[in-house]
Amino acid sequence: MKSYNKKISCLLGLVGFVLALALDQVTKYLAVMDLRENGPVILIKNVFQLQYLENRGAAFGIMQNRQFFFVVIAALILGIIGYLYSRMPYTSHYRMLRICAVLIASGAVGNMIDRIRLNYVVDFFYFSLIDFPVFNVADCYVVIACIWFACLILFYYKDESDFDFLKASKRKGNK
C-alpha cells in the first residue's frame, strides 16, 4: 500500500469538506430564493421537481421539532468521524473510506447549520413519480456515502486487519 503525506491528506479532506458544504448551502439558498415564493419547478413532468419544504424533523420528517437533539447527534457523528479519520492510516487503501467520511461530515454539518440558523432544514428535491420524501444535497451526501461505505465493507475491506487502526494503539515500552 502506497503511503501518502498526512498533511496533504488532511488538507484535501478539509478542502473537499468545505466545497461540499458550500455546494449544499448555496443550493439551499437558491431554493429559498427561487422556490419558497414561486412554488415548485417541474423538471420532468410527473417524475422530478424542485419543491421548497421546511423540514423540522429528521429523515422522512420523523421526530418533528427536536432540533437540539439533532444538533447533538450531528456533533457526536462529527466527533466520531474526526476520531476515525485521524486514526486511519495515510495510505491509498483508505482513500475511499476518507471520502465517505468527508461526505458524511459535510452532510451532517450542512443540515446542522440549517437547524441552528433556521430551526429547520431546507429540502427541495422531490421525486413525485414514487412520492419520495423531499430531500436536499446534504441528504444526498449522507445517503451516497453510507451506501458506498456498505459496499466498501462488503467488497473491498474484507480483511479483518483492514480495521486494525480502530484497536487501541500500543504505547512505546508496552508489549
N, C-alpha and C. Protein backbone atom coordinates (compact mmCIF):
# COMPACT_ATOMS: atom_id res chain seq x y z
N MET A 1 0.84 -1.18 0.00
CA MET A 1 0.00 0.00 0.00
C MET A 1 0.88 1.24 0.00
N LYS A 2 0.61 2.11 -0.93
CA LYS A 2 1.38 3.33 -1.03
C LYS A 2 0.96 4.31 0.07
N SER A 3 1.93 4.80 0.80
CA SER A 3 1.67 5.76 1.85
C SER A 3 1.72 7.17 1.26
N TYR A 4 0.96 8.07 1.81
CA TYR A 4 0.99 9.44 1.33
C TYR A 4 1.04 10.41 2.49
N ASN A 5 1.33 11.63 2.22
CA ASN A 5 1.57 12.65 3.22
C ASN A 5 0.31 12.94 4.03
N LYS A 6 0.44 12.88 5.35
CA LYS A 6 -0.68 13.12 6.26
C LYS A 6 -1.23 14.55 6.11
N LYS A 7 -0.35 15.53 6.01
CA LYS A 7 -0.79 16.92 5.89
C LYS A 7 -1.58 17.15 4.60
N ILE A 8 -1.08 16.58 3.51
CA ILE A 8 -1.78 16.74 2.24
C ILE A 8 -3.14 16.06 2.29
N SER A 9 -3.19 14.88 2.87
CA SER A 9 -4.45 14.15 3.00
C SER A 9 -5.47 14.95 3.81
N CYS A 10 -5.02 15.49 4.93
CA CYS A 10 -5.93 16.28 5.78
C CYS A 10 -6.37 17.55 5.06
N LEU A 11 -5.45 18.19 4.36
CA LEU A 11 -5.80 19.40 3.62
C LEU A 11 -6.82 19.10 2.52
N LEU A 12 -6.60 18.01 1.78
CA LEU A 12 -7.56 17.63 0.74
C LEU A 12 -8.92 17.29 1.35
N GLY A 13 -8.91 16.61 2.48
CA GLY A 13 -10.16 16.30 3.16
C GLY A 13 -10.89 17.57 3.59
N LEU A 14 -10.14 18.53 4.11
CA LEU A 14 -10.74 19.80 4.54
C LEU A 14 -11.28 20.58 3.35
N VAL A 15 -10.53 20.62 2.26
CA VAL A 15 -10.98 21.32 1.05
C VAL A 15 -12.24 20.65 0.50
N GLY A 16 -12.24 19.33 0.44
CA GLY A 16 -13.42 18.60 -0.02
C GLY A 16 -14.63 18.87 0.86
N PHE A 17 -14.41 18.89 2.16
CA PHE A 17 -15.47 19.18 3.12
C PHE A 17 -16.05 20.57 2.88
N VAL A 18 -15.18 21.56 2.77
CA VAL A 18 -15.63 22.95 2.58
C VAL A 18 -16.37 23.11 1.25
N LEU A 19 -15.85 22.51 0.18
CA LEU A 19 -16.52 22.61 -1.12
C LEU A 19 -17.89 21.93 -1.10
N ALA A 20 -17.96 20.75 -0.50
CA ALA A 20 -19.24 20.04 -0.42
C ALA A 20 -20.24 20.82 0.43
N LEU A 21 -19.77 21.36 1.54
CA LEU A 21 -20.63 22.16 2.41
C LEU A 21 -21.10 23.42 1.69
N ALA A 22 -20.22 24.06 0.96
CA ALA A 22 -20.59 25.27 0.21
C ALA A 22 -21.65 24.95 -0.84
N LEU A 23 -21.48 23.83 -1.56
CA LEU A 23 -22.47 23.44 -2.56
C LEU A 23 -23.84 23.21 -1.91
N ASP A 24 -23.84 22.55 -0.77
CA ASP A 24 -25.10 22.32 -0.04
C ASP A 24 -25.75 23.65 0.35
N GLN A 25 -24.99 24.53 0.93
CA GLN A 25 -25.54 25.79 1.42
C GLN A 25 -25.99 26.70 0.27
N VAL A 26 -25.25 26.71 -0.83
CA VAL A 26 -25.65 27.53 -1.99
C VAL A 26 -26.95 27.00 -2.58
N THR A 27 -27.07 25.68 -2.71
CA THR A 27 -28.31 25.13 -3.29
C THR A 27 -29.50 25.41 -2.37
N LYS A 28 -29.30 25.36 -1.08
CA LYS A 28 -30.39 25.67 -0.15
C LYS A 28 -30.78 27.15 -0.25
N TYR A 29 -29.77 28.02 -0.37
CA TYR A 29 -30.04 29.44 -0.53
C TYR A 29 -30.86 29.69 -1.80
N LEU A 30 -30.45 29.04 -2.89
CA LEU A 30 -31.17 29.19 -4.16
C LEU A 30 -32.60 28.65 -4.03
N ALA A 31 -32.78 27.57 -3.31
CA ALA A 31 -34.12 27.02 -3.10
C ALA A 31 -35.00 28.01 -2.35
N VAL A 32 -34.43 28.63 -1.33
CA VAL A 32 -35.20 29.63 -0.56
C VAL A 32 -35.55 30.81 -1.45
N MET A 33 -34.58 31.31 -2.20
CA MET A 33 -34.80 32.49 -3.02
C MET A 33 -35.76 32.24 -4.19
N ASP A 34 -35.67 31.06 -4.80
CA ASP A 34 -36.44 30.82 -6.03
C ASP A 34 -37.70 29.99 -5.83
N LEU A 35 -37.72 29.14 -4.82
CA LEU A 35 -38.84 28.20 -4.70
C LEU A 35 -39.84 28.56 -3.61
N ARG A 36 -39.39 29.22 -2.56
CA ARG A 36 -40.30 29.48 -1.44
C ARG A 36 -41.51 30.29 -1.87
N GLU A 37 -41.31 31.32 -2.63
CA GLU A 37 -42.41 32.19 -3.05
C GLU A 37 -43.03 31.77 -4.39
N ASN A 38 -42.26 31.13 -5.24
CA ASN A 38 -42.72 30.84 -6.60
C ASN A 38 -43.31 29.46 -6.80
N GLY A 39 -43.20 28.61 -5.82
CA GLY A 39 -43.76 27.27 -5.96
C GLY A 39 -42.81 26.33 -6.68
N PRO A 40 -43.24 25.10 -6.89
CA PRO A 40 -42.36 24.08 -7.48
C PRO A 40 -41.96 24.37 -8.93
N VAL A 41 -40.79 23.85 -9.28
CA VAL A 41 -40.30 23.89 -10.66
C VAL A 41 -40.27 22.45 -11.15
N ILE A 42 -41.08 22.16 -12.14
CA ILE A 42 -41.15 20.80 -12.65
C ILE A 42 -40.03 20.60 -13.67
N LEU A 43 -39.14 19.66 -13.38
CA LEU A 43 -38.02 19.37 -14.27
C LEU A 43 -38.36 18.24 -15.23
N ILE A 44 -39.01 17.20 -14.72
CA ILE A 44 -39.50 16.09 -15.54
C ILE A 44 -40.93 15.82 -15.08
N LYS A 45 -41.90 16.14 -15.94
CA LYS A 45 -43.30 16.05 -15.58
C LYS A 45 -43.64 14.68 -14.98
N ASN A 46 -44.31 14.70 -13.83
CA ASN A 46 -44.75 13.52 -13.10
C ASN A 46 -43.61 12.64 -12.62
N VAL A 47 -42.38 13.17 -12.63
CA VAL A 47 -41.24 12.37 -12.18
C VAL A 47 -40.41 13.12 -11.13
N PHE A 48 -39.92 14.31 -11.50
CA PHE A 48 -38.97 15.01 -10.63
C PHE A 48 -39.21 16.51 -10.67
N GLN A 49 -39.17 17.12 -9.47
CA GLN A 49 -39.35 18.56 -9.39
C GLN A 49 -38.56 19.14 -8.23
N LEU A 50 -38.38 20.44 -8.29
CA LEU A 50 -37.78 21.18 -7.18
C LEU A 50 -38.94 21.81 -6.42
N GLN A 51 -39.03 21.49 -5.14
CA GLN A 51 -40.17 21.93 -4.34
C GLN A 51 -39.66 22.31 -2.95
N TYR A 52 -39.90 23.54 -2.54
CA TYR A 52 -39.43 24.04 -1.25
C TYR A 52 -40.18 23.38 -0.10
N LEU A 53 -39.42 22.95 0.91
CA LEU A 53 -40.01 22.36 2.11
C LEU A 53 -39.15 22.69 3.31
N GLU A 54 -39.78 23.08 4.40
CA GLU A 54 -39.09 23.30 5.67
C GLU A 54 -39.28 22.06 6.52
N ASN A 55 -38.21 21.29 6.68
CA ASN A 55 -38.27 20.03 7.41
C ASN A 55 -37.82 20.25 8.85
N ARG A 56 -38.73 20.12 9.78
CA ARG A 56 -38.42 20.30 11.19
C ARG A 56 -38.16 18.96 11.89
N GLY A 57 -38.04 17.91 11.10
CA GLY A 57 -37.77 16.59 11.65
C GLY A 57 -36.47 16.04 11.10
N ALA A 58 -36.36 14.73 11.17
CA ALA A 58 -35.18 14.04 10.63
C ALA A 58 -35.56 13.45 9.28
N ALA A 59 -34.90 12.38 8.92
CA ALA A 59 -35.19 11.71 7.64
C ALA A 59 -36.67 11.39 7.54
N PHE A 60 -37.24 11.72 6.40
CA PHE A 60 -38.65 11.47 6.11
C PHE A 60 -39.58 12.23 7.07
N GLY A 61 -39.07 13.27 7.72
CA GLY A 61 -39.89 14.11 8.58
C GLY A 61 -40.18 13.52 9.95
N ILE A 62 -39.49 12.44 10.34
CA ILE A 62 -39.76 11.85 11.66
C ILE A 62 -39.19 12.73 12.76
N MET A 63 -39.70 12.57 13.95
CA MET A 63 -39.24 13.28 15.15
C MET A 63 -39.27 14.80 14.96
N GLN A 64 -40.40 15.33 14.61
CA GLN A 64 -40.57 16.75 14.36
C GLN A 64 -40.19 17.60 15.58
N ASN A 65 -39.59 18.76 15.31
CA ASN A 65 -39.28 19.79 16.31
C ASN A 65 -38.37 19.33 17.44
N ARG A 66 -37.41 18.51 17.13
CA ARG A 66 -36.41 18.08 18.11
C ARG A 66 -35.03 18.55 17.64
N GLN A 67 -34.92 19.85 17.34
CA GLN A 67 -33.72 20.40 16.74
C GLN A 67 -32.48 20.23 17.62
N PHE A 68 -32.61 20.45 18.92
CA PHE A 68 -31.46 20.32 19.83
C PHE A 68 -30.92 18.89 19.78
N PHE A 69 -31.81 17.92 19.79
CA PHE A 69 -31.42 16.51 19.71
C PHE A 69 -30.64 16.25 18.43
N PHE A 70 -31.12 16.76 17.30
CA PHE A 70 -30.45 16.54 16.02
C PHE A 70 -29.09 17.21 15.97
N VAL A 71 -28.96 18.38 16.57
CA VAL A 71 -27.67 19.07 16.61
C VAL A 71 -26.68 18.26 17.45
N VAL A 72 -27.12 17.74 18.57
CA VAL A 72 -26.26 16.93 19.43
C VAL A 72 -25.81 15.66 18.68
N ILE A 73 -26.74 15.01 18.02
CA ILE A 73 -26.41 13.80 17.26
C ILE A 73 -25.40 14.12 16.16
N ALA A 74 -25.62 15.23 15.44
CA ALA A 74 -24.69 15.63 14.38
C ALA A 74 -23.30 15.91 14.96
N ALA A 75 -23.24 16.56 16.12
CA ALA A 75 -21.96 16.84 16.76
C ALA A 75 -21.25 15.55 17.16
N LEU A 76 -22.01 14.59 17.67
CA LEU A 76 -21.42 13.28 18.01
C LEU A 76 -20.88 12.58 16.77
N ILE A 77 -21.65 12.60 15.70
CA ILE A 77 -21.22 11.99 14.45
C ILE A 77 -19.93 12.65 13.96
N LEU A 78 -19.87 13.97 14.03
CA LEU A 78 -18.65 14.68 13.62
C LEU A 78 -17.46 14.29 14.49
N GLY A 79 -17.69 14.15 15.77
CA GLY A 79 -16.61 13.73 16.67
C GLY A 79 -16.10 12.34 16.33
N ILE A 80 -17.00 11.43 16.08
CA ILE A 80 -16.63 10.06 15.72
C ILE A 80 -15.88 10.04 14.38
N ILE A 81 -16.40 10.78 13.41
CA ILE A 81 -15.74 10.83 12.10
C ILE A 81 -14.34 11.44 12.23
N GLY A 82 -14.22 12.51 12.99
CA GLY A 82 -12.90 13.12 13.20
C GLY A 82 -11.92 12.16 13.85
N TYR A 83 -12.39 11.43 14.85
CA TYR A 83 -11.55 10.45 15.53
C TYR A 83 -11.11 9.36 14.56
N LEU A 84 -12.06 8.79 13.83
CA LEU A 84 -11.74 7.71 12.89
C LEU A 84 -10.83 8.20 11.77
N TYR A 85 -11.11 9.40 11.26
CA TYR A 85 -10.30 9.97 10.18
C TYR A 85 -8.85 10.12 10.64
N SER A 86 -8.65 10.57 11.87
CA SER A 86 -7.30 10.77 12.38
C SER A 86 -6.58 9.45 12.65
N ARG A 87 -7.31 8.38 12.89
CA ARG A 87 -6.71 7.08 13.18
C ARG A 87 -6.43 6.26 11.92
N MET A 88 -7.12 6.54 10.83
CA MET A 88 -6.92 5.78 9.60
C MET A 88 -5.50 5.96 9.09
N PRO A 89 -4.88 4.86 8.66
CA PRO A 89 -3.54 5.00 8.06
C PRO A 89 -3.61 5.88 6.81
N TYR A 90 -2.54 6.63 6.59
CA TYR A 90 -2.50 7.53 5.44
C TYR A 90 -1.91 6.78 4.24
N THR A 91 -2.71 5.81 3.75
CA THR A 91 -2.33 5.03 2.58
C THR A 91 -3.48 5.11 1.57
N SER A 92 -3.17 4.78 0.34
CA SER A 92 -4.19 4.82 -0.70
C SER A 92 -5.31 3.81 -0.45
N HIS A 93 -5.02 2.78 0.34
CA HIS A 93 -6.02 1.75 0.65
C HIS A 93 -7.24 2.35 1.37
N TYR A 94 -7.04 3.44 2.10
CA TYR A 94 -8.12 4.04 2.88
C TYR A 94 -8.68 5.32 2.26
N ARG A 95 -8.25 5.64 1.06
CA ARG A 95 -8.70 6.88 0.41
C ARG A 95 -10.23 6.92 0.25
N MET A 96 -10.82 5.82 -0.21
CA MET A 96 -12.28 5.80 -0.41
C MET A 96 -13.02 5.94 0.92
N LEU A 97 -12.47 5.35 1.97
CA LEU A 97 -13.09 5.47 3.28
C LEU A 97 -13.02 6.92 3.78
N ARG A 98 -11.93 7.59 3.48
CA ARG A 98 -11.79 9.00 3.85
C ARG A 98 -12.81 9.87 3.10
N ILE A 99 -13.03 9.56 1.83
CA ILE A 99 -14.02 10.30 1.05
C ILE A 99 -15.42 10.11 1.65
N CYS A 100 -15.74 8.89 2.04
CA CYS A 100 -17.04 8.64 2.70
C CYS A 100 -17.16 9.49 3.96
N ALA A 101 -16.08 9.53 4.75
CA ALA A 101 -16.10 10.32 5.99
C ALA A 101 -16.33 11.79 5.70
N VAL A 102 -15.67 12.32 4.67
CA VAL A 102 -15.83 13.73 4.31
C VAL A 102 -17.27 14.01 3.87
N LEU A 103 -17.86 13.12 3.09
CA LEU A 103 -19.24 13.31 2.63
C LEU A 103 -20.24 13.27 3.79
N ILE A 104 -20.06 12.31 4.68
CA ILE A 104 -20.97 12.23 5.84
C ILE A 104 -20.83 13.47 6.71
N ALA A 105 -19.59 13.90 6.94
CA ALA A 105 -19.37 15.11 7.75
C ALA A 105 -19.99 16.33 7.08
N SER A 106 -19.82 16.46 5.77
CA SER A 106 -20.39 17.61 5.05
C SER A 106 -21.91 17.61 5.14
N GLY A 107 -22.52 16.44 4.98
CA GLY A 107 -23.97 16.35 5.08
C GLY A 107 -24.47 16.67 6.47
N ALA A 108 -23.79 16.15 7.48
CA ALA A 108 -24.19 16.40 8.86
C ALA A 108 -24.09 17.89 9.20
N VAL A 109 -22.98 18.51 8.81
CA VAL A 109 -22.79 19.94 9.10
C VAL A 109 -23.75 20.79 8.29
N GLY A 110 -23.98 20.43 7.02
CA GLY A 110 -24.91 21.20 6.20
C GLY A 110 -26.29 21.28 6.81
N ASN A 111 -26.81 20.16 7.27
CA ASN A 111 -28.13 20.18 7.90
C ASN A 111 -28.08 20.78 9.30
N MET A 112 -26.94 20.61 10.01
CA MET A 112 -26.81 21.20 11.33
C MET A 112 -26.83 22.73 11.25
N ILE A 113 -26.19 23.28 10.22
CA ILE A 113 -26.21 24.74 10.04
C ILE A 113 -27.65 25.22 9.91
N ASP A 114 -28.44 24.53 9.09
CA ASP A 114 -29.84 24.91 8.93
C ASP A 114 -30.60 24.84 10.26
N ARG A 115 -30.38 23.77 10.99
CA ARG A 115 -31.11 23.58 12.26
C ARG A 115 -30.77 24.68 13.25
N ILE A 116 -29.50 25.06 13.32
CA ILE A 116 -29.09 26.11 14.26
C ILE A 116 -29.56 27.47 13.78
N ARG A 117 -29.39 27.75 12.51
CA ARG A 117 -29.70 29.08 11.96
C ARG A 117 -31.20 29.30 11.76
N LEU A 118 -31.91 28.27 11.27
CA LEU A 118 -33.30 28.45 10.87
C LEU A 118 -34.31 27.70 11.75
N ASN A 119 -33.83 26.73 12.50
CA ASN A 119 -34.68 25.84 13.30
C ASN A 119 -35.42 24.82 12.42
N TYR A 120 -34.98 24.66 11.19
CA TYR A 120 -35.49 23.63 10.28
C TYR A 120 -34.45 23.43 9.18
N VAL A 121 -34.63 22.37 8.40
CA VAL A 121 -33.73 22.08 7.29
C VAL A 121 -34.46 22.37 5.99
N VAL A 122 -33.79 23.05 5.08
CA VAL A 122 -34.37 23.36 3.77
C VAL A 122 -34.20 22.14 2.87
N ASP A 123 -35.31 21.60 2.39
CA ASP A 123 -35.32 20.49 1.44
C ASP A 123 -35.96 20.97 0.15
N PHE A 124 -35.58 20.35 -0.98
CA PHE A 124 -36.13 20.84 -2.24
C PHE A 124 -36.16 19.84 -3.39
N PHE A 125 -35.50 18.70 -3.29
CA PHE A 125 -35.59 17.68 -4.35
C PHE A 125 -36.79 16.79 -4.09
N TYR A 126 -37.63 16.59 -5.09
CA TYR A 126 -38.82 15.75 -4.89
C TYR A 126 -39.06 14.85 -6.10
N PHE A 127 -39.02 13.54 -5.87
CA PHE A 127 -39.36 12.55 -6.90
C PHE A 127 -40.84 12.24 -6.78
N SER A 128 -41.64 12.93 -7.57
CA SER A 128 -43.09 12.75 -7.50
C SER A 128 -43.53 11.40 -8.06
N LEU A 129 -42.75 10.81 -8.95
CA LEU A 129 -43.09 9.51 -9.54
C LEU A 129 -43.31 8.46 -8.46
N ILE A 130 -42.45 8.47 -7.45
CA ILE A 130 -42.57 7.48 -6.37
C ILE A 130 -42.98 8.13 -5.05
N ASP A 131 -43.34 9.41 -5.09
CA ASP A 131 -43.73 10.17 -3.91
C ASP A 131 -42.71 10.02 -2.79
N PHE A 132 -41.43 10.13 -3.18
CA PHE A 132 -40.33 10.02 -2.21
C PHE A 132 -40.26 11.31 -1.41
N PRO A 133 -39.94 11.23 -0.11
CA PRO A 133 -39.84 12.45 0.69
C PRO A 133 -38.87 13.47 0.09
N VAL A 134 -39.18 14.73 0.28
CA VAL A 134 -38.35 15.82 -0.23
C VAL A 134 -37.01 15.81 0.52
N PHE A 135 -35.91 16.05 -0.20
CA PHE A 135 -34.58 15.99 0.41
C PHE A 135 -33.69 17.06 -0.18
N ASN A 136 -32.43 17.12 0.26
CA ASN A 136 -31.51 18.16 -0.19
C ASN A 136 -30.14 17.57 -0.51
N VAL A 137 -29.19 18.42 -0.84
CA VAL A 137 -27.85 17.98 -1.23
C VAL A 137 -27.14 17.30 -0.05
N ALA A 138 -27.25 17.84 1.16
CA ALA A 138 -26.62 17.24 2.33
C ALA A 138 -27.14 15.82 2.55
N ASP A 139 -28.43 15.63 2.35
CA ASP A 139 -29.01 14.29 2.48
C ASP A 139 -28.41 13.34 1.44
N CYS A 140 -28.19 13.86 0.24
CA CYS A 140 -27.56 13.05 -0.83
C CYS A 140 -26.17 12.61 -0.41
N TYR A 141 -25.39 13.53 0.17
CA TYR A 141 -24.05 13.18 0.63
C TYR A 141 -24.09 12.01 1.60
N VAL A 142 -24.97 12.12 2.59
CA VAL A 142 -25.03 11.09 3.64
C VAL A 142 -25.47 9.75 3.07
N VAL A 143 -26.51 9.76 2.26
CA VAL A 143 -27.03 8.50 1.70
C VAL A 143 -26.00 7.86 0.77
N ILE A 144 -25.42 8.64 -0.12
CA ILE A 144 -24.42 8.11 -1.06
C ILE A 144 -23.22 7.56 -0.28
N ALA A 145 -22.74 8.30 0.71
CA ALA A 145 -21.58 7.85 1.49
C ALA A 145 -21.89 6.58 2.27
N CYS A 146 -23.09 6.48 2.83
CA CYS A 146 -23.45 5.28 3.59
C CYS A 146 -23.58 4.05 2.68
N ILE A 147 -24.16 4.23 1.51
CA ILE A 147 -24.25 3.11 0.55
C ILE A 147 -22.85 2.72 0.08
N TRP A 148 -22.04 3.72 -0.23
CA TRP A 148 -20.67 3.47 -0.66
C TRP A 148 -19.89 2.76 0.44
N PHE A 149 -20.06 3.21 1.68
CA PHE A 149 -19.38 2.60 2.82
C PHE A 149 -19.80 1.13 2.97
N ALA A 150 -21.08 0.85 2.85
CA ALA A 150 -21.56 -0.53 2.94
C ALA A 150 -20.93 -1.39 1.84
N CYS A 151 -20.87 -0.86 0.63
CA CYS A 151 -20.24 -1.60 -0.48
C CYS A 151 -18.76 -1.83 -0.20
N LEU A 152 -18.08 -0.83 0.34
CA LEU A 152 -16.66 -0.99 0.67
C LEU A 152 -16.47 -2.09 1.71
N ILE A 153 -17.32 -2.11 2.72
CA ILE A 153 -17.22 -3.13 3.78
C ILE A 153 -17.49 -4.52 3.19
N LEU A 154 -18.47 -4.61 2.33
CA LEU A 154 -18.84 -5.91 1.75
C LEU A 154 -17.83 -6.43 0.73
N PHE A 155 -17.26 -5.53 -0.07
CA PHE A 155 -16.48 -5.99 -1.21
C PHE A 155 -15.01 -5.56 -1.23
N TYR A 156 -14.63 -4.56 -0.46
CA TYR A 156 -13.26 -4.06 -0.56
C TYR A 156 -12.47 -4.29 0.73
N TYR A 157 -13.02 -3.86 1.85
CA TYR A 157 -12.35 -4.04 3.13
C TYR A 157 -12.85 -5.34 3.76
N LYS A 158 -12.47 -6.45 3.16
CA LYS A 158 -12.96 -7.75 3.62
C LYS A 158 -12.07 -8.37 4.68
N ASP A 159 -10.83 -7.94 4.74
CA ASP A 159 -9.89 -8.48 5.71
C ASP A 159 -10.13 -7.87 7.09
N GLU A 160 -10.07 -8.69 8.10
CA GLU A 160 -10.25 -8.18 9.46
C GLU A 160 -9.16 -7.17 9.80
N SER A 161 -7.97 -7.36 9.24
CA SER A 161 -6.85 -6.46 9.52
C SER A 161 -7.05 -5.06 8.91
N ASP A 162 -8.00 -4.92 7.99
CA ASP A 162 -8.27 -3.60 7.40
C ASP A 162 -8.70 -2.58 8.45
N PHE A 163 -9.20 -3.07 9.57
CA PHE A 163 -9.69 -2.15 10.60
C PHE A 163 -8.88 -2.25 11.89
N ASP A 164 -7.65 -2.71 11.78
CA ASP A 164 -6.76 -2.75 12.94
C ASP A 164 -6.52 -1.36 13.51
N PHE A 165 -6.64 -0.35 12.68
CA PHE A 165 -6.42 1.02 13.16
C PHE A 165 -7.43 1.43 14.23
N LEU A 166 -8.53 0.70 14.35
CA LEU A 166 -9.53 1.02 15.36
C LEU A 166 -9.14 0.48 16.74
N LYS A 167 -8.24 -0.49 16.76
CA LYS A 167 -7.80 -1.06 18.04
C LYS A 167 -6.93 -0.07 18.76
N ALA A 168 -6.90 -0.19 20.08
CA ALA A 168 -6.06 0.71 20.89
C ALA A 168 -4.61 0.53 20.46
N SER A 169 -3.94 1.64 20.25
CA SER A 169 -2.55 1.57 19.82
C SER A 169 -1.66 1.18 20.99
N LYS A 170 -0.60 0.45 20.67
CA LYS A 170 0.35 0.05 21.71
C LYS A 170 1.32 1.21 21.93
N ARG A 171 1.53 1.53 23.18
CA ARG A 171 2.47 2.59 23.52
C ARG A 171 3.89 2.04 23.58
N LYS A 172 4.83 2.93 23.41
CA LYS A 172 6.23 2.50 23.49
C LYS A 172 6.47 1.92 24.88
N GLY A 173 7.18 0.83 24.90
CA GLY A 173 7.52 0.20 26.17
C GLY A 173 6.51 -0.84 26.58
N ASN A 174 5.26 -0.79 26.07
CA ASN A 174 4.25 -1.78 26.38
C ASN A 174 4.27 -2.87 25.35
N LYS A 175 4.12 -4.11 25.79
CA LYS A 175 4.09 -5.21 24.84
C LYS A 175 2.80 -5.94 24.91
